[in-house]
Each structure stands twice: as C-alpha cells, then as structure tokens.
N, C-alpha and C. Protein backbone atom coordinates (compact mmCIF):
# COMPACT_ATOMS: atom_id res chain seq x y z
N LEU A 1 91.90 93.13 85.62
CA LEU A 1 93.32 93.15 85.98
C LEU A 1 93.59 94.23 87.02
N LEU A 2 93.03 95.41 86.85
CA LEU A 2 93.24 96.51 87.78
C LEU A 2 92.66 96.19 89.15
N VAL A 3 91.51 95.54 89.18
CA VAL A 3 90.87 95.18 90.45
C VAL A 3 91.73 94.16 91.18
N ARG A 4 92.28 93.19 90.45
CA ARG A 4 93.12 92.16 91.05
C ARG A 4 94.38 92.79 91.66
N GLN A 5 95.00 93.74 90.96
CA GLN A 5 96.19 94.42 91.48
C GLN A 5 95.85 95.23 92.73
N PHE A 6 94.67 95.84 92.73
CA PHE A 6 94.25 96.63 93.88
C PHE A 6 94.11 95.73 95.11
N PHE A 7 93.46 94.56 94.95
CA PHE A 7 93.29 93.66 96.09
C PHE A 7 94.62 93.07 96.54
N LYS A 8 95.51 92.83 95.61
CA LYS A 8 96.84 92.35 95.97
C LYS A 8 97.56 93.42 96.80
N TYR A 9 97.44 94.68 96.39
CA TYR A 9 98.03 95.80 97.13
C TYR A 9 97.46 95.87 98.54
N LEU A 10 96.14 95.71 98.67
CA LEU A 10 95.50 95.74 99.99
C LEU A 10 96.01 94.61 100.89
N ALA A 11 96.18 93.43 100.32
CA ALA A 11 96.66 92.29 101.11
C ALA A 11 98.08 92.53 101.60
N VAL A 12 98.93 93.05 100.73
CA VAL A 12 100.32 93.35 101.11
C VAL A 12 100.33 94.43 102.18
N SER A 13 99.54 95.47 102.02
CA SER A 13 99.47 96.55 103.00
C SER A 13 99.01 96.03 104.36
N ALA A 14 98.06 95.13 104.37
CA ALA A 14 97.57 94.56 105.62
C ALA A 14 98.66 93.76 106.33
N ARG A 15 99.44 92.99 105.55
CA ARG A 15 100.53 92.22 106.15
C ARG A 15 101.59 93.15 106.74
N ILE A 16 101.92 94.22 106.05
CA ILE A 16 102.91 95.18 106.55
C ILE A 16 102.41 95.81 107.85
N GLU A 17 101.17 96.22 107.89
CA GLU A 17 100.61 96.84 109.10
C GLU A 17 100.60 95.84 110.26
N ALA A 18 100.31 94.57 109.98
CA ALA A 18 100.30 93.55 111.04
C ALA A 18 101.70 93.38 111.62
N ARG A 19 102.72 93.40 110.77
CA ARG A 19 104.10 93.30 111.25
C ARG A 19 104.47 94.51 112.09
N LYS A 20 104.04 95.69 111.67
CA LYS A 20 104.34 96.91 112.43
C LYS A 20 103.72 96.82 113.82
N GLU A 21 102.48 96.36 113.90
CA GLU A 21 101.81 96.26 115.19
C GLU A 21 102.51 95.24 116.08
N LYS A 22 102.99 94.15 115.48
CA LYS A 22 103.68 93.13 116.24
C LYS A 22 104.98 93.67 116.83
N SER A 23 105.66 94.58 116.10
CA SER A 23 106.93 95.11 116.56
C SER A 23 106.77 96.19 117.62
N LYS A 24 105.55 96.66 117.82
CA LYS A 24 105.31 97.70 118.82
C LYS A 24 105.16 97.06 120.19
N ILE A 25 106.25 96.95 120.88
CA ILE A 25 106.26 96.37 122.22
C ILE A 25 106.04 97.51 123.21
N ASN A 26 105.17 97.30 124.18
CA ASN A 26 105.05 98.28 125.24
C ASN A 26 106.22 98.03 126.18
N VAL A 27 107.23 98.87 126.07
CA VAL A 27 108.48 98.68 126.79
C VAL A 27 108.25 98.67 128.30
N ARG A 28 107.41 99.54 128.80
CA ARG A 28 107.16 99.60 130.25
C ARG A 28 106.43 98.37 130.77
N GLN A 29 105.66 97.69 129.92
CA GLN A 29 105.00 96.46 130.35
C GLN A 29 105.97 95.29 130.37
N ARG A 30 106.90 95.27 129.43
CA ARG A 30 107.82 94.15 129.31
C ARG A 30 109.06 94.29 130.20
N TYR A 31 109.48 95.54 130.47
CA TYR A 31 110.71 95.78 131.23
C TYR A 31 110.46 96.71 132.40
N LYS A 32 111.18 96.49 133.49
CA LYS A 32 111.12 97.38 134.65
C LYS A 32 112.39 98.23 134.63
N ILE A 33 112.21 99.54 134.52
CA ILE A 33 113.34 100.47 134.43
C ILE A 33 114.01 100.56 135.80
N GLN A 34 115.34 100.40 135.80
CA GLN A 34 116.11 100.47 137.04
C GLN A 34 116.74 101.84 137.25
N GLU A 35 117.43 102.33 136.21
CA GLU A 35 118.13 103.62 136.34
C GLU A 35 118.50 104.15 134.96
N VAL A 36 118.86 105.42 134.94
CA VAL A 36 119.36 106.05 133.72
C VAL A 36 120.87 105.84 133.70
N ILE A 37 121.37 105.26 132.61
CA ILE A 37 122.80 105.01 132.47
C ILE A 37 123.49 106.23 131.87
N GLY A 38 122.85 106.82 130.88
CA GLY A 38 123.42 107.98 130.21
C GLY A 38 122.38 108.70 129.38
N SER A 39 122.73 109.91 128.96
CA SER A 39 121.78 110.65 128.13
C SER A 39 122.53 111.65 127.27
N ARG A 40 121.91 111.99 126.17
CA ARG A 40 122.38 113.03 125.25
C ARG A 40 121.19 113.89 124.91
N ARG A 41 121.41 114.80 124.01
CA ARG A 41 120.36 115.74 123.61
C ARG A 41 119.10 115.03 123.14
N ASP A 42 119.25 113.99 122.35
CA ASP A 42 118.09 113.36 121.71
C ASP A 42 117.89 111.89 122.07
N GLN A 43 118.61 111.40 123.09
CA GLN A 43 118.44 110.00 123.46
C GLN A 43 118.79 109.77 124.93
N VAL A 44 118.24 108.69 125.47
CA VAL A 44 118.49 108.29 126.85
C VAL A 44 118.77 106.80 126.84
N ILE A 45 119.73 106.36 127.66
CA ILE A 45 120.01 104.93 127.79
C ILE A 45 119.65 104.51 129.21
N LEU A 46 118.81 103.48 129.29
CA LEU A 46 118.28 103.02 130.57
C LEU A 46 118.75 101.60 130.87
N LYS A 47 118.92 101.31 132.14
CA LYS A 47 119.16 99.95 132.59
C LYS A 47 117.81 99.41 133.04
N ALA A 48 117.47 98.19 132.61
CA ALA A 48 116.17 97.62 132.94
C ALA A 48 116.29 96.12 133.13
N ILE A 49 115.28 95.55 133.78
CA ILE A 49 115.21 94.10 133.91
C ILE A 49 113.92 93.62 133.25
N LYS A 50 113.98 92.44 132.70
CA LYS A 50 112.82 91.86 132.05
C LYS A 50 111.85 91.37 133.12
N ARG A 51 110.60 91.75 133.00
CA ARG A 51 109.61 91.40 134.04
C ARG A 51 109.38 89.88 134.13
N LYS A 52 109.38 89.19 133.00
CA LYS A 52 109.14 87.74 133.02
C LYS A 52 110.36 86.96 133.51
N ASP A 53 111.56 87.54 133.35
CA ASP A 53 112.80 86.88 133.75
C ASP A 53 113.70 87.92 134.43
N PRO A 54 113.51 88.16 135.74
CA PRO A 54 114.25 89.20 136.44
C PRO A 54 115.77 89.04 136.42
N SER A 55 116.25 87.86 136.05
CA SER A 55 117.70 87.68 135.97
C SER A 55 118.28 88.29 134.68
N LYS A 56 117.41 88.64 133.74
CA LYS A 56 117.86 89.20 132.46
C LYS A 56 117.89 90.73 132.54
N ILE A 57 119.09 91.29 132.54
CA ILE A 57 119.29 92.74 132.59
C ILE A 57 119.59 93.22 131.18
N VAL A 58 118.94 94.29 130.77
CA VAL A 58 119.12 94.83 129.42
C VAL A 58 119.42 96.33 129.48
N ALA A 59 119.91 96.84 128.38
CA ALA A 59 120.05 98.28 128.19
C ALA A 59 119.03 98.68 127.14
N ILE A 60 118.33 99.78 127.38
CA ILE A 60 117.33 100.27 126.44
C ILE A 60 117.73 101.67 126.01
N LYS A 61 117.98 101.83 124.73
CA LYS A 61 118.30 103.14 124.17
C LYS A 61 117.01 103.73 123.62
N VAL A 62 116.60 104.86 124.15
CA VAL A 62 115.35 105.51 123.76
C VAL A 62 115.71 106.72 122.90
N MET A 63 115.23 106.72 121.65
CA MET A 63 115.56 107.81 120.72
C MET A 63 114.28 108.42 120.19
N LYS A 64 114.19 109.72 120.23
CA LYS A 64 113.04 110.43 119.70
C LYS A 64 113.03 110.29 118.18
N LYS A 65 111.87 109.98 117.62
CA LYS A 65 111.75 109.88 116.16
C LYS A 65 111.89 111.26 115.54
N THR A 66 112.86 111.38 114.66
CA THR A 66 113.06 112.64 113.94
C THR A 66 113.28 112.31 112.48
N PRO A 67 113.03 113.26 111.57
CA PRO A 67 113.29 113.00 110.15
C PRO A 67 114.75 112.64 109.89
N GLU A 68 115.67 113.25 110.65
CA GLU A 68 117.10 112.94 110.46
C GLU A 68 117.41 111.49 110.81
N LEU A 69 116.83 111.02 111.91
CA LEU A 69 117.06 109.64 112.34
C LEU A 69 116.49 108.66 111.33
N ILE A 70 115.31 108.95 110.83
CA ILE A 70 114.68 108.07 109.85
C ILE A 70 115.48 108.08 108.55
N LYS A 71 116.02 109.23 108.17
CA LYS A 71 116.84 109.31 106.96
C LYS A 71 118.11 108.47 107.08
N LYS A 72 118.61 108.33 108.28
CA LYS A 72 119.85 107.57 108.50
C LYS A 72 119.67 106.07 108.27
N ASN A 73 118.48 105.69 107.89
CA ASN A 73 118.19 104.28 107.63
C ASN A 73 118.41 103.42 108.87
N LEU A 74 117.70 103.74 109.92
CA LEU A 74 117.82 103.03 111.18
C LEU A 74 117.62 101.52 111.00
N ALA A 75 116.68 101.15 110.19
CA ALA A 75 116.40 99.71 109.98
C ALA A 75 117.61 98.98 109.40
N ASP A 76 118.30 99.61 108.45
CA ASP A 76 119.49 98.98 107.87
C ASP A 76 120.59 98.81 108.91
N GLN A 77 120.76 99.81 109.76
CA GLN A 77 121.77 99.72 110.80
C GLN A 77 121.45 98.61 111.79
N ILE A 78 120.18 98.48 112.14
CA ILE A 78 119.76 97.42 113.06
C ILE A 78 119.98 96.05 112.43
N ALA A 79 119.68 95.91 111.16
CA ALA A 79 119.89 94.63 110.47
C ALA A 79 121.37 94.24 110.51
N LYS A 80 122.24 95.21 110.32
CA LYS A 80 123.67 94.93 110.39
C LYS A 80 124.09 94.52 111.80
N LEU A 81 123.52 95.18 112.82
CA LEU A 81 123.83 94.81 114.21
C LEU A 81 123.38 93.38 114.50
N LYS A 82 122.24 92.98 113.96
CA LYS A 82 121.73 91.62 114.18
C LYS A 82 122.71 90.59 113.64
N GLU A 83 123.33 90.90 112.51
CA GLU A 83 124.24 89.96 111.86
C GLU A 83 125.55 89.81 112.62
N LEU A 84 125.97 90.86 113.32
CA LEU A 84 127.23 90.82 114.05
C LEU A 84 127.07 90.06 115.35
N ARG A 85 127.77 88.98 115.46
CA ARG A 85 127.74 88.19 116.69
C ARG A 85 129.19 87.89 117.10
N LYS A 86 129.79 88.78 117.84
CA LYS A 86 131.15 88.60 118.32
C LYS A 86 131.14 88.69 119.84
N ASP A 87 132.10 88.04 120.48
CA ASP A 87 132.16 88.04 121.93
C ASP A 87 132.39 89.42 122.52
N PHE A 88 133.12 90.26 121.81
CA PHE A 88 133.50 91.57 122.34
C PHE A 88 132.50 92.68 122.00
N LEU A 89 131.40 92.35 121.35
CA LEU A 89 130.37 93.34 121.02
C LEU A 89 129.13 93.13 121.88
N VAL A 90 128.43 94.21 122.16
CA VAL A 90 127.16 94.13 122.86
C VAL A 90 126.14 93.53 121.91
N HIS A 91 125.39 92.55 122.38
CA HIS A 91 124.43 91.88 121.52
C HIS A 91 123.12 92.66 121.44
N PHE A 92 122.62 92.78 120.23
CA PHE A 92 121.35 93.44 119.96
C PHE A 92 120.24 92.43 120.15
N TYR A 93 119.17 92.82 120.88
CA TYR A 93 118.03 91.93 121.07
C TYR A 93 116.87 92.28 120.15
N THR A 94 116.37 93.50 120.25
CA THR A 94 115.20 93.86 119.46
C THR A 94 115.07 95.37 119.31
N LEU A 95 114.28 95.77 118.34
CA LEU A 95 113.94 97.17 118.12
C LEU A 95 112.43 97.29 118.27
N SER A 96 112.00 98.27 119.00
CA SER A 96 110.59 98.54 119.16
C SER A 96 110.35 100.01 118.90
N GLU A 97 109.09 100.38 118.71
CA GLU A 97 108.76 101.78 118.47
C GLU A 97 107.35 102.06 118.93
N ASP A 98 107.11 103.32 119.20
CA ASP A 98 105.75 103.80 119.37
C ASP A 98 105.62 105.04 118.50
N THR A 99 104.62 105.83 118.72
CA THR A 99 104.41 106.97 117.82
C THR A 99 105.51 108.03 117.91
N SER A 100 106.20 108.11 119.05
CA SER A 100 107.19 109.18 119.24
C SER A 100 108.63 108.70 119.36
N TYR A 101 108.85 107.44 119.73
CA TYR A 101 110.20 106.98 120.05
C TYR A 101 110.54 105.64 119.42
N PHE A 102 111.86 105.42 119.22
CA PHE A 102 112.42 104.11 118.90
C PHE A 102 113.07 103.60 120.18
N TYR A 103 113.00 102.29 120.41
CA TYR A 103 113.62 101.66 121.56
C TYR A 103 114.54 100.55 121.05
N ILE A 104 115.83 100.66 121.30
CA ILE A 104 116.77 99.60 120.94
C ILE A 104 117.09 98.86 122.23
N ILE A 105 116.74 97.59 122.27
CA ILE A 105 116.97 96.78 123.45
C ILE A 105 118.17 95.88 123.17
N SER A 106 119.16 95.97 124.04
CA SER A 106 120.40 95.22 123.83
C SER A 106 120.92 94.68 125.16
N GLU A 107 121.97 93.91 125.06
CA GLU A 107 122.64 93.34 126.22
C GLU A 107 123.19 94.45 127.10
N TYR A 108 123.13 94.25 128.40
CA TYR A 108 123.67 95.25 129.32
C TYR A 108 125.11 94.92 129.64
C-alpha cells in the first residue's frame, strides 16, 4: 500500500512539473518589445507585438518574484481575471514565469 501511494505521488508530481514547464513561455521569443509604458519600484509594463502575428499588440506586466507577491495568491487573482469578460475591462491573455519574474500578458 505504501509503495502504491509513493508511485501515485510521483505520477502527480510529474504532471505538475510538466504543467509548470508548459507555462514557462520565453517572452522574448514570443513577443517583440516595443517600448516601456510605465514602471514602479517592483514592476515594469511593456508594449509588445506578437512575433507570429504582428497585428496583435499586447501589454506585458513584468513583476519580480517576491515572497510578498507569492503570498498575495497571484494565481487566484489571475483566475478571477480570466473569468471577467466585460467590454470595458482589459482582457487577460496569459501568465508566464521564469526563475525570477512573473509576466502577465494582456490586451493593450
């Protein structure tokens, strides 16, 4: 029984790691940065175009990973943004991350 639980744990862990790797988009490969729109102490907002579809302009919010940001439950906030689809709100496209930063890609 213990061995079976251990292998089940390994399988679940492998699936989680595969999802994490899938969500790690190389932002510079996928988007061409045009200009800095704004910045604060711990974040920068960039205007960019999608390399595969140059007609698609996006805003990329780059945030340094900090314990405070992770505590704020960033994933829950992003899930709520995904659910909101109103004409007067900026549409959320995707969240990406690397070892040091989170990237929120949204409508420009």
